[in-house]
Amino acid sequence: MEEIKERFMRFIEVQENGCWKWLGTTHKKNGAMFSFNGKPTPAHRVSYYLFKGNVASCKSVFRTCHNSQCMNPEHLRSNAK
């Protein structure tokens, strides 16, 4: 898991406001993407998984900072119960 975190963090630029700006691949339709378990996966969901835990039960993971490029797990919330 640490290797994946290290690879993920190579695409992050920490901003003064605390946001983690995504510098990796983006797609028009799906936004920031990261190759995870051999599949392109929304980078904010990967961030949530790597730093907070499983997102399988989450229908959505959203940003409290409203910055679409932010991957800071402290700015991410889910609708999991």
PDB file of N, CA and C in Angstrom:
ATOM      1  N   MET A   1       0.824  -1.200   0.000  1.00  0.00           N
ATOM      2  CA  MET A   1       0.000   0.000   0.000  1.00  0.00           C
ATOM      3  C   MET A   1       0.867   1.263   0.000  1.00  0.00           C
ATOM      4  N   GLU A   2       1.993   1.230   0.693  1.00  0.00           N
ATOM      5  CA  GLU A   2       2.881   2.395   0.741  1.00  0.00           C
ATOM      6  C   GLU A   2       3.415   2.750  -0.641  1.00  0.00           C
ATOM      7  N   GLU A   3       3.680   1.743  -1.462  1.00  0.00           N
ATOM      8  CA  GLU A   3       4.163   2.005  -2.823  1.00  0.00           C
ATOM      9  C   GLU A   3       3.104   2.748  -3.637  1.00  0.00           C
ATOM     10  N   ILE A   4       1.856   2.367  -3.459  1.00  0.00           N
ATOM     11  CA  ILE A   4       0.767   3.035  -4.176  1.00  0.00           C
ATOM     12  C   ILE A   4       0.644   4.474  -3.685  1.00  0.00           C
ATOM     13  N   LYS A   5       0.733   4.681  -2.363  1.00  0.00           N
ATOM     14  CA  LYS A   5       0.676   6.042  -1.815  1.00  0.00           C
ATOM     15  C   LYS A   5       1.799   6.903  -2.385  1.00  0.00           C
ATOM     16  N   GLU A   6       3.004   6.332  -2.437  1.00  0.00           N
ATOM     17  CA  GLU A   6       4.146   7.078  -2.972  1.00  0.00           C
ATOM     18  C   GLU A   6       3.919   7.453  -4.431  1.00  0.00           C
ATOM     19  N   ARG A   7       3.411   6.511  -5.223  1.00  0.00           N
ATOM     20  CA  ARG A   7       3.136   6.785  -6.639  1.00  0.00           C
ATOM     21  C   ARG A   7       2.040   7.847  -6.767  1.00  0.00           C
ATOM     22  N   PHE A   8       1.003   7.746  -5.946  1.00  0.00           N
ATOM     23  CA  PHE A   8      -0.081   8.720  -5.957  1.00  0.00           C
ATOM     24  C   PHE A   8       0.438  10.120  -5.637  1.00  0.00           C
ATOM     25  N   MET A   9       1.280  10.212  -4.607  1.00  0.00           N
ATOM     26  CA  MET A   9       1.771  11.511  -4.142  1.00  0.00           C
ATOM     27  C   MET A   9       2.697  12.188  -5.157  1.00  0.00           C
ATOM     28  N   ARG A  10       3.228  11.445  -6.112  1.00  0.00           N
ATOM     29  CA  ARG A  10       4.038  12.058  -7.172  1.00  0.00           C
ATOM     30  C   ARG A  10       3.218  12.997  -8.044  1.00  0.00           C
ATOM     31  N   PHE A  11       1.903  12.827  -8.014  1.00  0.00           N
ATOM     32  CA  PHE A  11       1.004  13.645  -8.832  1.00  0.00           C
ATOM     33  C   PHE A  11       0.342  14.760  -8.030  1.00  0.00           C
ATOM     34  N   ILE A  12       0.833  15.017  -6.822  1.00  0.00           N
ATOM     35  CA  ILE A  12       0.226  15.996  -5.923  1.00  0.00           C
ATOM     36  C   ILE A  12       1.151  17.193  -5.723  1.00  0.00           C
ATOM     37  N   GLU A  13       0.564  18.367  -5.762  1.00  0.00           N
ATOM     38  CA  GLU A  13       1.261  19.600  -5.388  1.00  0.00           C
ATOM     39  C   GLU A  13       0.455  20.227  -4.255  1.00  0.00           C
ATOM     40  N   VAL A  14       1.051  20.308  -3.069  1.00  0.00           N
ATOM     41  CA  VAL A  14       0.352  20.866  -1.913  1.00  0.00           C
ATOM     42  C   VAL A  14       0.280  22.386  -2.057  1.00  0.00           C
ATOM     43  N   GLN A  15      -0.926  22.912  -1.960  1.00  0.00           N
ATOM     44  CA  GLN A  15      -1.178  24.339  -2.109  1.00  0.00           C
ATOM     45  C   GLN A  15      -1.170  25.038  -0.745  1.00  0.00           C
ATOM     46  N   GLU A  16      -0.977  26.346  -0.746  1.00  0.00           N
ATOM     47  CA  GLU A  16      -0.972  27.118   0.495  1.00  0.00           C
ATOM     48  C   GLU A  16      -2.292  27.008   1.253  1.00  0.00           C
ATOM     49  N   ASN A  17      -3.399  26.839   0.538  1.00  0.00           N
ATOM     50  CA  ASN A  17      -4.711  26.751   1.175  1.00  0.00           C
ATOM     51  C   ASN A  17      -5.024  25.354   1.718  1.00  0.00           C
ATOM     52  N   GLY A  18      -4.063  24.427   1.603  1.00  0.00           N
ATOM     53  CA  GLY A  18      -4.252  23.073   2.112  1.00  0.00           C
ATOM     54  C   GLY A  18      -4.734  22.072   1.078  1.00  0.00           C
ATOM     55  N   CYS A  19      -5.176  22.562  -0.068  1.00  0.00           N
ATOM     56  CA  CYS A  19      -5.615  21.643  -1.117  1.00  0.00           C
ATOM     57  C   CYS A  19      -4.416  20.904  -1.697  1.00  0.00           C
ATOM     58  N   TRP A  20      -4.654  19.667  -2.130  1.00  0.00           N
ATOM     59  CA  TRP A  20      -3.645  18.873  -2.820  1.00  0.00           C
ATOM     60  C   TRP A  20      -4.011  18.886  -4.294  1.00  0.00           C
ATOM     61  N   LYS A  21      -3.365  19.747  -5.064  1.00  0.00           N
ATOM     62  CA  LYS A  21      -3.680  19.884  -6.489  1.00  0.00           C
ATOM     63  C   LYS A  21      -3.214  18.658  -7.265  1.00  0.00           C
ATOM     64  N   TRP A  22      -4.106  18.129  -8.085  1.00  0.00           N
ATOM     65  CA  TRP A  22      -3.812  16.965  -8.918  1.00  0.00           C
ATOM     66  C   TRP A  22      -3.049  17.397 -10.158  1.00  0.00           C
ATOM     67  N   LEU A  23      -1.883  16.785 -10.384  1.00  0.00           N
ATOM     68  CA  LEU A  23      -1.044  17.097 -11.544  1.00  0.00           C
ATOM     69  C   LEU A  23      -1.030  15.959 -12.562  1.00  0.00           C
ATOM     70  N   GLY A  24      -1.760  14.899 -12.268  1.00  0.00           N
ATOM     71  CA  GLY A  24      -1.760  13.718 -13.128  1.00  0.00           C
ATOM     72  C   GLY A  24      -2.781  13.801 -14.246  1.00  0.00           C
ATOM     73  N   THR A  25      -3.124  12.658 -14.774  1.00  0.00           N
ATOM     74  CA  THR A  25      -4.046  12.523 -15.894  1.00  0.00           C
ATOM     75  C   THR A  25      -5.444  13.005 -15.539  1.00  0.00           C
ATOM     76  N   THR A  26      -6.040  13.731 -16.474  1.00  0.00           N
ATOM     77  CA  THR A  26      -7.442  14.132 -16.324  1.00  0.00           C
ATOM     78  C   THR A  26      -8.195  13.780 -17.603  1.00  0.00           C
ATOM     79  N   HIS A  27      -9.473  13.541 -17.452  1.00  0.00           N
ATOM     80  CA  HIS A  27     -10.353  13.243 -18.579  1.00  0.00           C
ATOM     81  C   HIS A  27     -11.508  14.230 -18.546  1.00  0.00           C
ATOM     82  N   LYS A  28     -11.987  14.620 -19.711  1.00  0.00           N
ATOM     83  CA  LYS A  28     -13.098  15.570 -19.781  1.00  0.00           C
ATOM     84  C   LYS A  28     -14.292  15.112 -18.950  1.00  0.00           C
ATOM     85  N   LYS A  29     -14.684  13.875 -19.132  1.00  0.00           N
ATOM     86  CA  LYS A  29     -15.905  13.375 -18.489  1.00  0.00           C
ATOM     87  C   LYS A  29     -15.695  13.032 -17.014  1.00  0.00           C
ATOM     88  N   ASN A  30     -14.580  12.382 -16.687  1.00  0.00           N
ATOM     89  CA  ASN A  30     -14.397  11.850 -15.334  1.00  0.00           C
ATOM     90  C   ASN A  30     -13.436  12.633 -14.454  1.00  0.00           C
ATOM     91  N   GLY A  31     -12.802  13.663 -14.975  1.00  0.00           N
ATOM     92  CA  GLY A  31     -11.878  14.468 -14.176  1.00  0.00           C
ATOM     93  C   GLY A  31     -10.561  13.752 -13.910  1.00  0.00           C
ATOM     94  N   ALA A  32      -9.995  13.992 -12.739  1.00  0.00           N
ATOM     95  CA  ALA A  32      -8.690  13.427 -12.368  1.00  0.00           C
ATOM     96  C   ALA A  32      -8.776  11.912 -12.257  1.00  0.00           C
ATOM     97  N   MET A  33      -7.824  11.228 -12.905  1.00  0.00           N
ATOM     98  CA  MET A  33      -7.823   9.765 -12.915  1.00  0.00           C
ATOM     99  C   MET A  33      -6.459   9.236 -12.498  1.00  0.00           C
ATOM    100  N   PHE A  34      -6.478   8.053 -11.848  1.00  0.00           N
ATOM    101  CA  PHE A  34      -5.266   7.398 -11.369  1.00  0.00           C
ATOM    102  C   PHE A  34      -5.406   5.908 -11.643  1.00  0.00           C
ATOM    103  N   SER A  35      -4.362   5.294 -12.166  1.00  0.00           N
ATOM    104  CA  SER A  35      -4.391   3.858 -12.432  1.00  0.00           C
ATOM    105  C   SER A  35      -4.270   3.104 -11.109  1.00  0.00           C
ATOM    106  N   PHE A  36      -5.333   2.403 -10.738  1.00  0.00           N
ATOM    107  CA  PHE A  36      -5.414   1.706  -9.459  1.00  0.00           C
ATOM    108  C   PHE A  36      -5.954   0.305  -9.697  1.00  0.00           C
ATOM    109  N   ASN A  37      -5.195  -0.681  -9.253  1.00  0.00           N
ATOM    110  CA  ASN A  37      -5.555  -2.090  -9.499  1.00  0.00           C
ATOM    111  C   ASN A  37      -5.772  -2.359 -10.984  1.00  0.00           C
ATOM    112  N   GLY A  38      -4.939  -1.712 -11.815  1.00  0.00           N
ATOM    113  CA  GLY A  38      -4.982  -1.950 -13.254  1.00  0.00           C
ATOM    114  C   GLY A  38      -6.102  -1.247 -13.987  1.00  0.00           C
ATOM    115  N   LYS A  39      -6.860  -0.371 -13.289  1.00  0.00           N
ATOM    116  CA  LYS A  39      -7.980   0.320 -13.927  1.00  0.00           C
ATOM    117  C   LYS A  39      -7.892   1.816 -13.668  1.00  0.00           C
ATOM    118  N   PRO A  40      -8.283   2.637 -14.663  1.00  0.00           N
ATOM    119  CA  PRO A  40      -8.369   4.069 -14.391  1.00  0.00           C
ATOM    120  C   PRO A  40      -9.486   4.303 -13.375  1.00  0.00           C
ATOM    121  N   THR A  41      -9.164   5.022 -12.307  1.00  0.00           N
ATOM    122  CA  THR A  41     -10.088   5.234 -11.193  1.00  0.00           C
ATOM    123  C   THR A  41     -10.065   6.720 -10.832  1.00  0.00           C
ATOM    124  N   PRO A  42     -11.229   7.302 -10.518  1.00  0.00           N
ATOM    125  CA  PRO A  42     -11.225   8.704 -10.092  1.00  0.00           C
ATOM    126  C   PRO A  42     -10.239   8.924  -8.942  1.00  0.00           C
ATOM    127  N   ALA A  43      -9.339   9.873  -9.129  1.00  0.00           N
ATOM    128  CA  ALA A  43      -8.242  10.075  -8.182  1.00  0.00           C
ATOM    129  C   ALA A  43      -8.721  10.449  -6.786  1.00  0.00           C
ATOM    130  N   HIS A  44      -9.826  11.183  -6.671  1.00  0.00           N
ATOM    131  CA  HIS A  44     -10.299  11.545  -5.336  1.00  0.00           C
ATOM    132  C   HIS A  44     -10.800  10.323  -4.567  1.00  0.00           C
ATOM    133  N   ARG A  45     -11.342   9.331  -5.270  1.00  0.00           N
ATOM    134  CA  ARG A  45     -11.764   8.086  -4.603  1.00  0.00           C
ATOM    135  C   ARG A  45     -10.545   7.282  -4.160  1.00  0.00           C
ATOM    136  N   VAL A  46      -9.488   7.295  -4.974  1.00  0.00           N
ATOM    137  CA  VAL A  46      -8.248   6.613  -4.597  1.00  0.00           C
ATOM    138  C   VAL A  46      -7.652   7.289  -3.364  1.00  0.00           C
ATOM    139  N   SER A  47      -7.634   8.608  -3.340  1.00  0.00           N
ATOM    140  CA  SER A  47      -7.117   9.331  -2.183  1.00  0.00           C
ATOM    141  C   SER A  47      -7.892   8.964  -0.920  1.00  0.00           C
ATOM    142  N   TYR A  48      -9.210   8.947  -1.026  1.00  0.00           N
ATOM    143  CA  TYR A  48     -10.042   8.574   0.125  1.00  0.00           C
ATOM    144  C   TYR A  48      -9.676   7.171   0.600  1.00  0.00           C
ATOM    145  N   TYR A  49      -9.573   6.240  -0.326  1.00  0.00           N
ATOM    146  CA  TYR A  49      -9.241   4.852   0.012  1.00  0.00           C
ATOM    147  C   TYR A  49      -7.862   4.747   0.664  1.00  0.00           C
ATOM    148  N   LEU A  50      -6.864   5.389   0.076  1.00  0.00           N
ATOM    149  CA  LEU A  50      -5.489   5.273   0.580  1.00  0.00           C
ATOM    150  C   LEU A  50      -5.316   5.879   1.973  1.00  0.00           C
ATOM    151  N   PHE A  51      -6.005   6.967   2.257  1.00  0.00           N
ATOM    152  CA  PHE A  51      -5.766   7.701   3.492  1.00  0.00           C
ATOM    153  C   PHE A  51      -6.873   7.582   4.536  1.00  0.00           C
ATOM    154  N   LYS A  52      -8.080   7.133   4.120  1.00  0.00           N
ATOM    155  CA  LYS A  52      -9.189   7.055   5.067  1.00  0.00           C
ATOM    156  C   LYS A  52      -9.809   5.669   5.178  1.00  0.00           C
ATOM    157  N   GLY A  53      -9.763   4.892   4.113  1.00  0.00           N
ATOM    158  CA  GLY A  53     -10.355   3.553   4.169  1.00  0.00           C
ATOM    159  C   GLY A  53     -11.214   3.247   2.967  1.00  0.00           C
ATOM    160  N   ASN A  54     -11.859   2.111   3.024  1.00  0.00           N
ATOM    161  CA  ASN A  54     -12.624   1.568   1.909  1.00  0.00           C
ATOM    162  C   ASN A  54     -13.732   2.508   1.448  1.00  0.00           C
ATOM    163  N   VAL A  55     -13.883   2.627   0.142  1.00  0.00           N
ATOM    164  CA  VAL A  55     -14.948   3.443  -0.438  1.00  0.00           C
ATOM    165  C   VAL A  55     -15.991   2.591  -1.146  1.00  0.00           C
ATOM    166  N   ALA A  56     -15.890   1.276  -1.026  1.00  0.00           N
ATOM    167  CA  ALA A  56     -16.803   0.384  -1.753  1.00  0.00           C
ATOM    168  C   ALA A  56     -18.267   0.670  -1.414  1.00  0.00           C
ATOM    169  N   SER A  57     -18.548   1.027  -0.171  1.00  0.00           N
ATOM    170  CA  SER A  57     -19.931   1.282   0.228  1.00  0.00           C
ATOM    171  C   SER A  57     -20.365   2.718  -0.035  1.00  0.00           C
ATOM    172  N   CYS A  58     -19.481   3.536  -0.567  1.00  0.00           N
ATOM    173  CA  CYS A  58     -19.781   4.954  -0.815  1.00  0.00           C
ATOM    174  C   CYS A  58     -20.332   5.152  -2.219  1.00  0.00           C
ATOM    175  N   LYS A  59     -21.493   5.730  -2.314  1.00  0.00           N
ATOM    176  CA  LYS A  59     -21.997   6.092  -3.638  1.00  0.00           C
ATOM    177  C   LYS A  59     -21.255   7.300  -4.163  1.00  0.00           C
ATOM    178  N   SER A  60     -20.869   8.192  -3.260  1.00  0.00           N
ATOM    179  CA  SER A  60     -20.128   9.371  -3.710  1.00  0.00           C
ATOM    180  C   SER A  60     -19.112   9.805  -2.664  1.00  0.00           C
ATOM    181  N   VAL A  61     -18.035  10.378  -3.161  1.00  0.00           N
ATOM    182  CA  VAL A  61     -17.018  11.018  -2.334  1.00  0.00           C
ATOM    183  C   VAL A  61     -16.969  12.449  -2.843  1.00  0.00           C
ATOM    184  N   PHE A  62     -17.145  13.401  -1.944  1.00  0.00           N
ATOM    185  CA  PHE A  62     -17.185  14.796  -2.366  1.00  0.00           C
ATOM    186  C   PHE A  62     -16.161  15.626  -1.607  1.00  0.00           C
ATOM    187  N   ARG A  63     -15.882  16.800  -2.144  1.00  0.00           N
ATOM    188  CA  ARG A  63     -14.877  17.708  -1.585  1.00  0.00           C
ATOM    189  C   ARG A  63     -15.553  18.809  -0.789  1.00  0.00           C
ATOM    190  N   THR A  64     -15.112  19.020   0.420  1.00  0.00           N
ATOM    191  CA  THR A  64     -15.659  20.105   1.231  1.00  0.00           C
ATOM    192  C   THR A  64     -15.104  21.451   0.793  1.00  0.00           C
ATOM    193  N   CYS A  65     -13.971  21.453   0.098  1.00  0.00           N
ATOM    194  CA  CYS A  65     -13.347  22.704  -0.360  1.00  0.00           C
ATOM    195  C   CYS A  65     -13.908  23.149  -1.714  1.00  0.00           C
ATOM    196  N   HIS A  66     -14.669  22.281  -2.381  1.00  0.00           N
ATOM    197  CA  HIS A  66     -15.278  22.568  -3.685  1.00  0.00           C
ATOM    198  C   HIS A  66     -14.260  22.837  -4.790  1.00  0.00           C
ATOM    199  N   ASN A  67     -13.030  22.350  -4.612  1.00  0.00           N
ATOM    200  CA  ASN A  67     -11.972  22.483  -5.617  1.00  0.00           C
ATOM    201  C   ASN A  67     -11.879  21.149  -6.353  1.00  0.00           C
ATOM    202  N   SER A  68     -12.276  21.122  -7.608  1.00  0.00           N
ATOM    203  CA  SER A  68     -12.337  19.862  -8.358  1.00  0.00           C
ATOM    204  C   SER A  68     -10.981  19.197  -8.552  1.00  0.00           C
ATOM    205  N   GLN A  69      -9.895  19.925  -8.360  1.00  0.00           N
ATOM    206  CA  GLN A  69      -8.559  19.358  -8.502  1.00  0.00           C
ATOM    207  C   GLN A  69      -7.955  18.929  -7.164  1.00  0.00           C
ATOM    208  N   CYS A  70      -8.681  19.083  -6.078  1.00  0.00           N
ATOM    209  CA  CYS A  70      -8.148  18.766  -4.750  1.00  0.00           C
ATOM    210  C   CYS A  70      -8.297  17.286  -4.424  1.00  0.00           C
ATOM    211  N   MET A  71      -7.199  16.695  -3.933  1.00  0.00           N
ATOM    212  CA  MET A  71      -7.178  15.291  -3.535  1.00  0.00           C
ATOM    213  C   MET A  71      -6.829  15.119  -2.051  1.00  0.00           C
ATOM    214  N   ASN A  72      -6.822  16.217  -1.285  1.00  0.00           N
ATOM    215  CA  ASN A  72      -6.492  16.145   0.134  1.00  0.00           C
ATOM    216  C   ASN A  72      -7.556  15.326   0.856  1.00  0.00           C
ATOM    217  N   PRO A  73      -7.171  14.215   1.493  1.00  0.00           N
ATOM    218  CA  PRO A  73      -8.163  13.381   2.167  1.00  0.00           C
ATOM    219  C   PRO A  73      -8.896  14.110   3.292  1.00  0.00           C
ATOM    220  N   GLU A  74      -8.277  15.149   3.841  1.00  0.00           N
ATOM    221  CA  GLU A  74      -8.953  15.932   4.890  1.00  0.00           C
ATOM    222  C   GLU A  74     -10.076  16.795   4.303  1.00  0.00           C
ATOM    223  N   HIS A  75     -10.074  16.985   2.989  1.00  0.00           N
ATOM    224  CA  HIS A  75     -11.112  17.758   2.316  1.00  0.00           C
ATOM    225  C   HIS A  75     -12.164  16.850   1.683  1.00  0.00           C
ATOM    226  N   LEU A  76     -12.028  15.537   1.851  1.00  0.00           N
ATOM    227  CA  LEU A  76     -12.941  14.574   1.228  1.00  0.00           C
ATOM    228  C   LEU A  76     -13.907  13.991   2.252  1.00  0.00           C
ATOM    229  N   ARG A  77     -15.154  13.852   1.861  1.00  0.00           N
ATOM    230  CA  ARG A  77     -16.176  13.230   2.695  1.00  0.00           C
ATOM    231  C   ARG A  77     -16.937  12.233   1.833  1.00  0.00           C
ATOM    232  N   SER A  78     -17.560  11.275   2.478  1.00  0.00           N
ATOM    233  CA  SER A  78     -18.357  10.294   1.736  1.00  0.00           C
ATOM    234  C   SER A  78     -19.754  10.259   2.314  1.00  0.00           C
ATOM    235  N   ASN A  79     -20.639   9.563   1.599  1.00  0.00           N
ATOM    236  CA  ASN A  79     -22.001   9.386   2.079  1.00  0.00           C
ATOM    237  C   ASN A  79     -22.178   8.020   2.732  1.00  0.00           C
ATOM    238  N   ALA A  80     -21.079   7.345   3.055  1.00  0.00           N
ATOM    239  CA  ALA A  80     -21.145   6.018   3.682  1.00  0.00           C
ATOM    240  C   ALA A  80     -21.787   6.121   5.050  1.00  0.00           C
ATOM    241  N   LYS A  81     -22.505   5.086   5.406  1.00  0.00           N
ATOM    242  CA  LYS A  81     -23.173   5.082   6.709  1.00  0.00           C
ATOM    243  C   LYS A  81     -22.410   4.246   7.696  1.00  0.00           C
TER     244      LYS A  81
END
